[in-house]
């Protein structure tokens, strides 16, 4: 599999939506779908890494597949609202770096 930039992922999802998916769901529908996908990941994580266990016959699912579903819908929302996720992520990293440069190092809970 080749490397894929965030910008390329946004373009690829947009192309898929326009050729195979017919059209984007509404932003509100995609927000609800995103919430649902996060819930599916949370269920798997709680059972695989937390204190819950899977029910008999329950689909154990794949964290990687659920994370990909989340990323897909997040990319859809970004495309619909004109957000360049690559640029937004870089700005967010800058913000966190300047804001939290010492914060975590000084947190006794993390030592």
N, C-alpha and C. Protein backbone atom coordinates (compact mmCIF):
# COMPACT_ATOMS: atom_id res chain seq x y z
N UNK A 1 0.85 -1.18 0.00
CA UNK A 1 0.00 0.00 0.00
C UNK A 1 0.89 1.24 0.00
N UNK A 2 0.52 2.23 -0.75
CA UNK A 2 1.34 3.44 -0.86
C UNK A 2 1.00 4.43 0.25
N UNK A 3 1.93 5.34 0.47
CA UNK A 3 1.69 6.41 1.45
C UNK A 3 0.59 7.32 0.92
N UNK A 4 -0.19 7.86 1.82
CA UNK A 4 -1.31 8.70 1.45
C UNK A 4 -1.30 9.92 2.35
N UNK A 5 -1.20 11.10 1.78
CA UNK A 5 -1.27 12.31 2.59
C UNK A 5 -2.71 12.56 2.99
N UNK A 6 -2.90 13.40 3.97
CA UNK A 6 -4.27 13.75 4.37
C UNK A 6 -4.98 14.45 3.22
N UNK A 7 -4.28 15.33 2.54
CA UNK A 7 -4.87 16.03 1.39
C UNK A 7 -5.31 15.04 0.31
N UNK A 8 -4.47 14.05 0.02
CA UNK A 8 -4.83 13.02 -0.96
C UNK A 8 -6.02 12.20 -0.48
N UNK A 9 -6.07 11.91 0.82
CA UNK A 9 -7.21 11.17 1.36
C UNK A 9 -8.50 11.97 1.17
N UNK A 10 -8.44 13.27 1.43
CA UNK A 10 -9.63 14.10 1.23
C UNK A 10 -10.07 14.07 -0.24
N UNK A 11 -9.11 14.12 -1.14
CA UNK A 11 -9.43 14.08 -2.58
C UNK A 11 -10.00 12.72 -2.98
N UNK A 12 -9.41 11.66 -2.43
CA UNK A 12 -9.86 10.31 -2.78
C UNK A 12 -11.27 10.05 -2.26
N UNK A 13 -11.56 10.47 -1.04
CA UNK A 13 -12.91 10.30 -0.50
C UNK A 13 -13.91 11.11 -1.34
N UNK A 14 -13.54 12.33 -1.68
CA UNK A 14 -14.43 13.17 -2.48
C UNK A 14 -14.72 12.52 -3.84
N UNK A 15 -13.69 11.98 -4.47
CA UNK A 15 -13.87 11.31 -5.76
C UNK A 15 -14.77 10.09 -5.62
N UNK A 16 -14.59 9.31 -4.53
CA UNK A 16 -15.43 8.13 -4.31
C UNK A 16 -16.88 8.54 -4.13
N UNK A 17 -17.10 9.57 -3.29
CA UNK A 17 -18.46 10.03 -3.04
C UNK A 17 -19.14 10.44 -4.35
N UNK A 18 -18.41 11.16 -5.19
CA UNK A 18 -19.00 11.69 -6.43
C UNK A 18 -19.19 10.63 -7.50
N UNK A 19 -18.46 9.52 -7.45
CA UNK A 19 -18.59 8.51 -8.49
C UNK A 19 -19.33 7.26 -8.05
N UNK A 20 -19.19 6.89 -6.79
CA UNK A 20 -19.80 5.65 -6.30
C UNK A 20 -20.89 5.94 -5.26
N UNK A 21 -20.64 6.91 -4.42
CA UNK A 21 -21.57 7.20 -3.33
C UNK A 21 -22.72 8.11 -3.70
N UNK A 22 -22.81 8.56 -4.93
CA UNK A 22 -23.84 9.42 -5.48
C UNK A 22 -23.70 10.86 -4.98
N UNK A 23 -23.78 11.06 -3.66
CA UNK A 23 -23.62 12.40 -3.08
C UNK A 23 -23.28 12.26 -1.61
N UNK A 24 -22.84 13.35 -1.02
CA UNK A 24 -22.59 13.36 0.42
C UNK A 24 -23.92 13.32 1.17
N UNK A 25 -23.94 12.62 2.30
CA UNK A 25 -25.06 12.76 3.21
C UNK A 25 -24.99 14.17 3.78
N UNK A 26 -26.05 14.64 4.37
CA UNK A 26 -26.02 15.98 4.96
C UNK A 26 -24.99 16.02 6.09
N UNK A 27 -24.54 17.22 6.40
CA UNK A 27 -23.56 17.38 7.47
C UNK A 27 -24.09 16.83 8.80
N UNK A 28 -25.35 17.07 9.08
CA UNK A 28 -25.92 16.59 10.33
C UNK A 28 -25.98 15.06 10.35
N UNK A 29 -26.35 14.45 9.22
CA UNK A 29 -26.36 13.00 9.14
C UNK A 29 -24.95 12.45 9.34
N UNK A 30 -23.96 13.08 8.70
CA UNK A 30 -22.59 12.62 8.87
C UNK A 30 -22.10 12.79 10.30
N UNK A 31 -22.54 13.84 10.97
CA UNK A 31 -22.17 14.02 12.37
C UNK A 31 -22.75 12.89 13.22
N UNK A 32 -23.99 12.50 12.94
CA UNK A 32 -24.60 11.39 13.66
C UNK A 32 -23.87 10.08 13.36
N UNK A 33 -23.49 9.88 12.09
CA UNK A 33 -22.75 8.67 11.71
C UNK A 33 -21.40 8.65 12.41
N UNK A 34 -20.73 9.80 12.48
CA UNK A 34 -19.44 9.88 13.17
C UNK A 34 -19.59 9.46 14.63
N UNK A 35 -20.62 9.95 15.27
CA UNK A 35 -20.88 9.60 16.67
C UNK A 35 -21.12 8.10 16.81
N UNK A 36 -21.86 7.54 15.88
CA UNK A 36 -22.13 6.09 15.89
C UNK A 36 -20.83 5.30 15.74
N UNK A 37 -19.99 5.72 14.81
CA UNK A 37 -18.72 5.01 14.57
C UNK A 37 -17.80 5.10 15.79
N UNK A 38 -17.76 6.26 16.44
CA UNK A 38 -16.95 6.41 17.66
C UNK A 38 -17.49 5.46 18.73
N UNK A 39 -18.80 5.33 18.81
CA UNK A 39 -19.40 4.40 19.77
C UNK A 39 -19.02 2.96 19.48
N UNK A 40 -18.96 2.59 18.20
CA UNK A 40 -18.56 1.23 17.85
C UNK A 40 -17.11 0.97 18.24
N UNK A 41 -16.24 1.96 18.04
CA UNK A 41 -14.85 1.81 18.47
C UNK A 41 -14.78 1.71 19.99
N UNK A 42 -15.55 2.53 20.67
CA UNK A 42 -15.55 2.51 22.14
C UNK A 42 -15.98 1.14 22.67
N UNK A 43 -16.96 0.53 22.04
CA UNK A 43 -17.43 -0.80 22.46
C UNK A 43 -16.30 -1.82 22.32
N UNK A 44 -15.62 -1.80 21.19
CA UNK A 44 -14.52 -2.75 20.98
C UNK A 44 -13.40 -2.49 21.99
N UNK A 45 -13.03 -1.24 22.19
CA UNK A 45 -11.94 -0.90 23.10
C UNK A 45 -12.28 -1.30 24.53
N UNK A 46 -13.53 -1.07 24.95
CA UNK A 46 -13.95 -1.40 26.31
C UNK A 46 -13.88 -2.90 26.56
N UNK A 47 -14.18 -3.68 25.52
CA UNK A 47 -14.18 -5.13 25.68
C UNK A 47 -12.79 -5.73 25.49
N UNK A 48 -12.03 -5.19 24.57
CA UNK A 48 -10.71 -5.75 24.29
C UNK A 48 -9.66 -5.28 25.29
N UNK A 49 -9.71 -4.00 25.70
CA UNK A 49 -8.67 -3.44 26.56
C UNK A 49 -9.19 -3.02 27.93
N UNK A 50 -10.49 -2.98 28.10
CA UNK A 50 -11.06 -2.56 29.37
C UNK A 50 -11.57 -3.74 30.17
N UNK A 51 -12.51 -3.46 31.03
CA UNK A 51 -13.00 -4.46 31.97
C UNK A 51 -14.19 -5.26 31.46
N UNK A 52 -14.79 -4.83 30.36
CA UNK A 52 -15.93 -5.58 29.83
C UNK A 52 -15.44 -6.75 29.00
N UNK A 53 -16.34 -7.72 28.81
CA UNK A 53 -16.02 -8.85 27.93
C UNK A 53 -17.05 -8.87 26.80
N UNK A 54 -16.68 -9.53 25.72
CA UNK A 54 -17.61 -9.68 24.61
C UNK A 54 -18.72 -10.64 25.01
N UNK A 55 -19.93 -10.37 24.54
CA UNK A 55 -21.06 -11.26 24.78
C UNK A 55 -20.91 -12.47 23.87
N UNK A 56 -21.51 -13.58 24.26
CA UNK A 56 -21.48 -14.78 23.44
C UNK A 56 -22.05 -14.47 22.06
N UNK A 57 -21.30 -14.79 21.02
CA UNK A 57 -21.76 -14.57 19.66
C UNK A 57 -21.61 -13.16 19.15
N UNK A 58 -21.13 -12.26 20.01
CA UNK A 58 -20.98 -10.86 19.60
C UNK A 58 -19.80 -10.72 18.63
N UNK A 59 -19.98 -9.91 17.61
CA UNK A 59 -18.90 -9.62 16.67
C UNK A 59 -17.82 -8.83 17.41
N UNK A 60 -16.61 -9.38 17.43
CA UNK A 60 -15.53 -8.72 18.16
C UNK A 60 -15.00 -7.49 17.44
N UNK A 61 -15.22 -7.39 16.15
CA UNK A 61 -14.84 -6.21 15.40
C UNK A 61 -13.35 -5.95 15.36
N UNK A 62 -12.99 -4.97 14.57
CA UNK A 62 -11.59 -4.61 14.40
C UNK A 62 -11.40 -3.13 14.72
N UNK A 63 -10.55 -2.82 15.70
CA UNK A 63 -10.31 -1.40 16.00
C UNK A 63 -9.84 -0.64 14.77
N UNK A 64 -8.99 -1.27 13.96
CA UNK A 64 -8.47 -0.56 12.78
C UNK A 64 -9.58 -0.23 11.79
N UNK A 65 -10.53 -1.15 11.61
CA UNK A 65 -11.64 -0.89 10.70
C UNK A 65 -12.53 0.22 11.23
N UNK A 66 -12.79 0.21 12.54
CA UNK A 66 -13.63 1.27 13.13
C UNK A 66 -12.92 2.62 13.06
N UNK A 67 -11.60 2.63 13.28
CA UNK A 67 -10.84 3.89 13.18
C UNK A 67 -10.89 4.42 11.75
N UNK A 68 -10.80 3.51 10.78
CA UNK A 68 -10.90 3.92 9.37
C UNK A 68 -12.29 4.48 9.07
N UNK A 69 -13.33 3.86 9.62
CA UNK A 69 -14.69 4.39 9.44
C UNK A 69 -14.80 5.81 10.00
N UNK A 70 -14.21 6.02 11.18
CA UNK A 70 -14.23 7.34 11.81
C UNK A 70 -13.50 8.35 10.93
N UNK A 71 -12.33 7.96 10.44
CA UNK A 71 -11.55 8.86 9.59
C UNK A 71 -12.31 9.19 8.32
N UNK A 72 -12.96 8.19 7.74
CA UNK A 72 -13.75 8.39 6.51
C UNK A 72 -14.81 9.47 6.73
N UNK A 73 -15.60 9.31 7.78
CA UNK A 73 -16.69 10.26 8.02
C UNK A 73 -16.14 11.63 8.39
N UNK A 74 -15.06 11.68 9.14
CA UNK A 74 -14.43 12.95 9.48
C UNK A 74 -13.96 13.66 8.21
N UNK A 75 -13.38 12.90 7.29
CA UNK A 75 -12.96 13.47 6.01
C UNK A 75 -14.17 13.99 5.23
N UNK A 76 -15.25 13.24 5.25
CA UNK A 76 -16.48 13.72 4.58
C UNK A 76 -16.91 15.06 5.16
N UNK A 77 -16.94 15.15 6.48
CA UNK A 77 -17.35 16.41 7.12
C UNK A 77 -16.39 17.54 6.77
N UNK A 78 -15.10 17.25 6.73
CA UNK A 78 -14.12 18.27 6.36
C UNK A 78 -14.36 18.73 4.93
N UNK A 79 -14.56 17.80 4.03
CA UNK A 79 -14.81 18.15 2.63
C UNK A 79 -16.07 19.00 2.50
N UNK A 80 -17.10 18.64 3.22
CA UNK A 80 -18.37 19.35 3.13
C UNK A 80 -18.30 20.76 3.68
N UNK A 81 -17.43 20.98 4.65
CA UNK A 81 -17.38 22.28 5.32
C UNK A 81 -16.15 23.10 4.93
N UNK A 82 -15.40 22.61 3.94
CA UNK A 82 -14.27 23.36 3.42
C UNK A 82 -13.04 23.37 4.32
N UNK A 83 -12.89 22.36 5.15
CA UNK A 83 -11.74 22.28 6.06
C UNK A 83 -10.62 21.49 5.39
N UNK A 84 -9.44 22.08 5.34
CA UNK A 84 -8.23 21.38 4.90
C UNK A 84 -7.66 20.71 6.14
N UNK A 85 -7.89 19.41 6.28
CA UNK A 85 -7.50 18.69 7.49
C UNK A 85 -5.99 18.71 7.72
N UNK A 86 -5.22 18.67 6.65
CA UNK A 86 -3.76 18.69 6.78
C UNK A 86 -3.32 20.01 7.42
N UNK A 87 -3.85 21.10 6.89
CA UNK A 87 -3.53 22.43 7.44
C UNK A 87 -4.05 22.57 8.87
N UNK A 88 -5.25 22.10 9.11
CA UNK A 88 -5.85 22.20 10.44
C UNK A 88 -5.03 21.40 11.46
N UNK A 89 -4.56 20.22 11.08
CA UNK A 89 -3.77 19.40 11.99
C UNK A 89 -2.44 20.07 12.32
N UNK A 90 -1.78 20.61 11.31
CA UNK A 90 -0.51 21.30 11.54
C UNK A 90 -0.69 22.50 12.48
N UNK A 91 -1.76 23.26 12.27
CA UNK A 91 -2.05 24.40 13.17
C UNK A 91 -2.34 23.92 14.58
N UNK A 92 -3.04 22.79 14.69
CA UNK A 92 -3.38 22.25 16.00
C UNK A 92 -2.14 21.76 16.73
N UNK A 93 -1.21 21.15 16.00
CA UNK A 93 0.04 20.70 16.61
C UNK A 93 0.83 21.91 17.12
N UNK A 94 0.87 22.99 16.32
CA UNK A 94 1.55 24.23 16.75
C UNK A 94 0.92 24.77 18.03
N UNK A 95 -0.42 24.81 18.05
CA UNK A 95 -1.14 25.32 19.22
C UNK A 95 -0.81 24.50 20.46
N UNK A 96 -0.89 23.20 20.33
CA UNK A 96 -0.62 22.32 21.48
C UNK A 96 0.84 22.43 21.93
N UNK A 97 1.76 22.57 20.98
CA UNK A 97 3.17 22.67 21.31
C UNK A 97 3.46 23.93 22.10
N UNK A 98 2.90 25.05 21.66
CA UNK A 98 3.17 26.30 22.40
C UNK A 98 2.41 26.34 23.72
N UNK A 99 1.20 25.85 23.74
CA UNK A 99 0.38 25.88 24.95
C UNK A 99 0.85 24.89 26.01
N UNK A 100 1.27 23.72 25.55
CA UNK A 100 1.56 22.63 26.48
C UNK A 100 3.05 22.29 26.57
N UNK A 101 3.91 23.21 26.15
CA UNK A 101 5.35 22.94 26.11
C UNK A 101 5.87 22.42 27.44
N UNK A 102 5.38 22.94 28.53
CA UNK A 102 5.86 22.52 29.84
C UNK A 102 4.79 21.79 30.65
N UNK A 103 3.55 21.98 30.27
CA UNK A 103 2.41 21.49 31.06
C UNK A 103 2.50 20.01 31.41
N UNK A 104 2.75 19.17 30.43
CA UNK A 104 2.76 17.72 30.69
C UNK A 104 4.01 17.29 31.45
N UNK A 105 5.11 17.97 31.18
CA UNK A 105 6.34 17.65 31.92
C UNK A 105 6.20 17.97 33.39
N UNK A 106 5.38 18.99 33.71
CA UNK A 106 5.19 19.41 35.10
C UNK A 106 4.03 18.67 35.77
N UNK A 107 3.35 17.82 35.08
CA UNK A 107 2.19 17.12 35.63
C UNK A 107 2.65 15.91 36.44
N UNK A 108 2.49 15.96 37.76
CA UNK A 108 2.95 14.84 38.60
C UNK A 108 2.20 13.53 38.30
N UNK A 109 1.02 13.63 37.74
CA UNK A 109 0.25 12.42 37.41
C UNK A 109 0.90 11.62 36.28
N UNK A 110 1.74 12.29 35.50
CA UNK A 110 2.37 11.63 34.36
C UNK A 110 3.77 11.12 34.65
N UNK A 111 4.21 11.31 35.87
CA UNK A 111 5.58 10.88 36.21
C UNK A 111 5.59 9.48 36.76
